[in-house]
Amino acid sequence: MGPQTQTHRDQGRSLAAIETNKYPHETWNLVSDSNSVPTRGFIYGAVVPGMRPATKGLDPEPLVPGEKYRLLLQAGTFKAEHDFVAEERAP
């Protein structure tokens, strides 16, 4: 990678798995090989412009309502995380 290329990464993981398992699996993992399109938000499992699944053909796992999850974000040297509880989808 050149000096101006940044790798962007979004991952979702079950918080219960993080708390009880040293190596929890990811429920959704996106990467960008170049500068992705700036966005103010996204919906879990939806297409995010400029991003692609880290593993080709791997779809995001459904979230379990009431279960806690942790979203991990990385853009270059910037890293952030956000814990949330999945809500039941309206019919």
Protein backbone atom coordinates (compact mmCIF):
# COMPACT_ATOMS: atom_id res chain seq x y z
CA MET A 1 0.00 0.00 0.00
CA GLY A 2 1.20 3.49 -0.79
CA PRO A 3 1.46 6.19 1.85
CA GLN A 4 -1.91 7.74 0.86
CA THR A 5 -3.86 4.46 0.87
CA GLN A 6 -5.93 3.77 3.97
CA THR A 7 -7.61 0.54 4.90
CA HIS A 8 -11.12 0.93 6.32
CA ARG A 9 -12.78 -1.84 8.31
CA ASP A 10 -16.15 -2.35 10.03
CA GLN A 11 -16.84 -5.40 12.14
CA GLY A 12 -19.78 -6.51 14.25
CA ARG A 13 -19.38 -9.04 17.05
CA SER A 14 -21.60 -10.45 19.76
CA LEU A 15 -20.68 -8.74 23.05
CA ALA A 16 -21.49 -11.93 24.98
CA ALA A 17 -18.99 -13.80 22.80
CA ILE A 18 -16.39 -11.08 23.40
CA GLU A 19 -16.90 -11.28 27.17
CA THR A 20 -16.72 -15.09 27.33
CA ASN A 21 -14.50 -15.99 24.39
CA LYS A 22 -11.00 -14.78 23.62
CA TYR A 23 -11.63 -15.25 19.87
CA PRO A 24 -15.28 -14.36 19.08
CA HIS A 25 -16.33 -14.67 15.45
CA GLU A 26 -17.51 -11.70 13.43
CA THR A 27 -21.14 -11.37 12.42
CA TRP A 28 -20.34 -8.84 9.66
CA ASN A 29 -16.95 -7.71 8.35
CA LEU A 30 -16.42 -5.08 5.65
CA VAL A 31 -13.18 -3.72 4.23
CA SER A 32 -12.15 -1.09 1.69
CA ASP A 33 -9.05 -1.46 -0.44
CA SER A 34 -8.97 2.27 -1.15
CA ASN A 35 -10.65 5.42 0.07
CA SER A 36 -14.29 4.56 0.66
CA VAL A 37 -17.14 7.03 0.22
CA PRO A 38 -17.74 9.23 3.31
CA THR A 39 -20.99 8.35 5.08
CA ARG A 40 -22.79 9.57 8.19
CA GLY A 41 -24.34 6.19 8.93
CA PHE A 42 -25.29 2.78 7.62
CA ILE A 43 -27.71 -0.04 8.32
CA TYR A 44 -26.40 -3.41 9.51
CA GLY A 45 -26.13 -5.82 6.60
CA ALA A 46 -26.81 -3.18 3.92
CA VAL A 47 -24.46 -2.26 1.09
CA VAL A 48 -22.01 0.45 2.21
CA PRO A 49 -20.63 2.40 -0.78
CA GLY A 50 -16.93 1.71 -1.33
CA MET A 51 -16.89 -1.26 1.07
CA ARG A 52 -17.01 -5.00 0.40
CA PRO A 53 -17.25 -8.14 2.55
CA ALA A 54 -13.84 -9.18 3.90
CA THR A 55 -14.67 -12.75 2.84
CA LYS A 56 -16.23 -12.98 -0.62
CA GLY A 57 -19.72 -14.48 -0.58
CA LEU A 58 -20.09 -14.32 3.22
CA ASP A 59 -23.39 -12.67 4.15
CA PRO A 60 -23.92 -10.86 7.47
CA GLU A 61 -25.40 -13.04 10.20
CA PRO A 62 -28.82 -12.01 11.52
CA LEU A 63 -28.71 -10.19 14.84
CA VAL A 64 -30.58 -11.75 17.78
CA PRO A 65 -33.08 -9.29 19.34
CA GLY A 66 -32.11 -8.46 22.94
CA GLU A 67 -28.50 -9.62 22.51
CA LYS A 68 -25.63 -7.18 23.05
CA TYR A 69 -23.18 -6.51 20.21
CA ARG A 70 -20.01 -4.48 19.72
CA LEU A 71 -19.29 -2.57 16.53
CA LEU A 72 -15.58 -2.05 15.82
CA LEU A 73 -14.57 0.63 13.33
CA GLN A 74 -11.14 1.38 11.92
CA ALA A 75 -10.08 3.97 9.35
CA GLY A 76 -6.34 4.35 9.05
CA THR A 77 -5.07 4.91 12.60
CA PHE A 78 -8.53 5.95 13.89
CA LYS A 79 -10.33 3.22 15.87
CA ALA A 80 -13.69 3.30 17.61
CA GLU A 81 -16.15 0.88 19.14
CA HIS A 82 -19.82 1.06 20.05
CA ASP A 83 -21.85 -1.40 22.13
CA PHE A 84 -25.57 -1.80 21.36
CA VAL A 85 -28.51 -4.13 21.90
CA ALA A 86 -30.25 -5.50 18.80
CA GLU A 87 -33.91 -4.55 18.61
CA GLU A 88 -36.82 -6.53 17.17
CA ARG A 89 -37.55 -5.49 13.58
CA ALA A 90 -41.00 -4.07 12.96
CA PRO A 91 -43.11 -6.30 10.66
